[in-house]
Amino acid sequence: MLKWVVVVMLLVLVTGLFRSELSRRLRLGRLPGDMHFRVRGRECHLPFTSTVLLSLLAGLILRVL
């Protein structure tokens, strides 16, 4: 169980470090259905479609393994 927690945390770290590069190349966060708006001067991002797409991709990879 501890190994999976470490793996997930490393994936989150790597994804966070390369987020701008991933969004530029794969258009993650800019897909139709991803919401971007301002509230009281703060920008809010709600990447619904990107989250669903990444969940499906992770499910397919786990099913293959």
Protein backbone atom coordinates (compact mmCIF):
# COMPACT_ATOMS: atom_id res chain seq x y z
CA MET A 1 0.00 0.00 0.00
CA LEU A 2 2.80 2.40 0.84
CA LYS A 3 4.42 1.78 -2.55
CA TRP A 4 1.22 2.87 -4.34
CA VAL A 5 1.03 6.04 -2.28
CA VAL A 6 4.63 6.87 -3.19
CA VAL A 7 3.97 6.17 -6.88
CA VAL A 8 0.85 8.35 -6.91
CA MET A 9 2.65 11.19 -5.13
CA LEU A 10 5.53 11.02 -7.63
CA LEU A 11 3.08 11.13 -10.53
CA VAL A 12 1.37 14.16 -9.05
CA LEU A 13 4.74 15.85 -8.55
CA VAL A 14 5.92 15.15 -12.10
CA THR A 15 2.59 16.24 -13.56
CA GLY A 16 2.74 19.47 -11.55
CA LEU A 17 6.26 20.21 -12.71
CA PHE A 18 5.44 19.69 -16.38
CA ARG A 19 1.90 21.11 -16.29
CA SER A 20 2.60 24.08 -18.55
CA GLU A 21 4.38 21.88 -21.10
CA LEU A 22 1.59 19.30 -21.03
CA SER A 23 -1.11 21.93 -21.47
CA ARG A 24 0.76 23.50 -24.38
CA ARG A 25 1.40 20.25 -26.27
CA LEU A 26 -1.60 18.09 -25.35
CA ARG A 27 -4.06 20.96 -24.83
CA LEU A 28 -5.02 19.57 -21.43
CA GLY A 29 -7.05 22.18 -19.59
CA ARG A 30 -8.24 23.77 -22.83
CA LEU A 31 -10.60 21.09 -24.09
CA PRO A 32 -14.29 21.76 -24.66
CA GLY A 33 -15.98 21.28 -21.30
CA ASP A 34 -13.05 22.66 -19.30
CA MET A 35 -14.21 25.80 -17.54
CA HIS A 36 -12.11 28.91 -16.98
CA PHE A 37 -13.50 32.03 -15.32
CA ARG A 38 -12.68 34.90 -12.96
CA VAL A 39 -14.27 35.50 -9.58
CA ARG A 40 -13.35 38.71 -7.73
CA GLY A 41 -10.07 39.01 -9.62
CA ARG A 42 -9.02 35.39 -9.13
CA GLU A 43 -8.83 32.93 -11.98
CA CYS A 44 -10.56 29.58 -11.51
CA HIS A 45 -9.93 26.49 -13.63
CA LEU A 46 -12.29 23.50 -13.61
CA PRO A 47 -10.87 20.91 -16.03
CA PHE A 48 -13.86 18.55 -16.23
CA THR A 49 -13.17 17.11 -19.68
CA SER A 50 -9.42 16.79 -19.12
CA THR A 51 -10.06 14.92 -15.87
CA VAL A 52 -12.43 12.46 -17.54
CA LEU A 53 -10.00 11.94 -20.42
CA LEU A 54 -7.07 11.27 -18.07
CA SER A 55 -9.20 8.92 -15.96
CA LEU A 56 -10.14 6.90 -19.03
CA LEU A 57 -6.53 6.77 -20.14
CA ALA A 58 -5.38 5.61 -16.68
CA GLY A 59 -8.13 2.96 -16.66
CA LEU A 60 -7.04 1.63 -20.03
CA ILE A 61 -3.40 1.48 -18.95
CA LEU A 62 -4.29 -0.36 -15.74
CA ARG A 63 -6.50 -2.79 -17.64
CA VAL A 64 -3.64 -3.62 -20.02
CA LEU A 65 -1.20 -4.16 -17.17
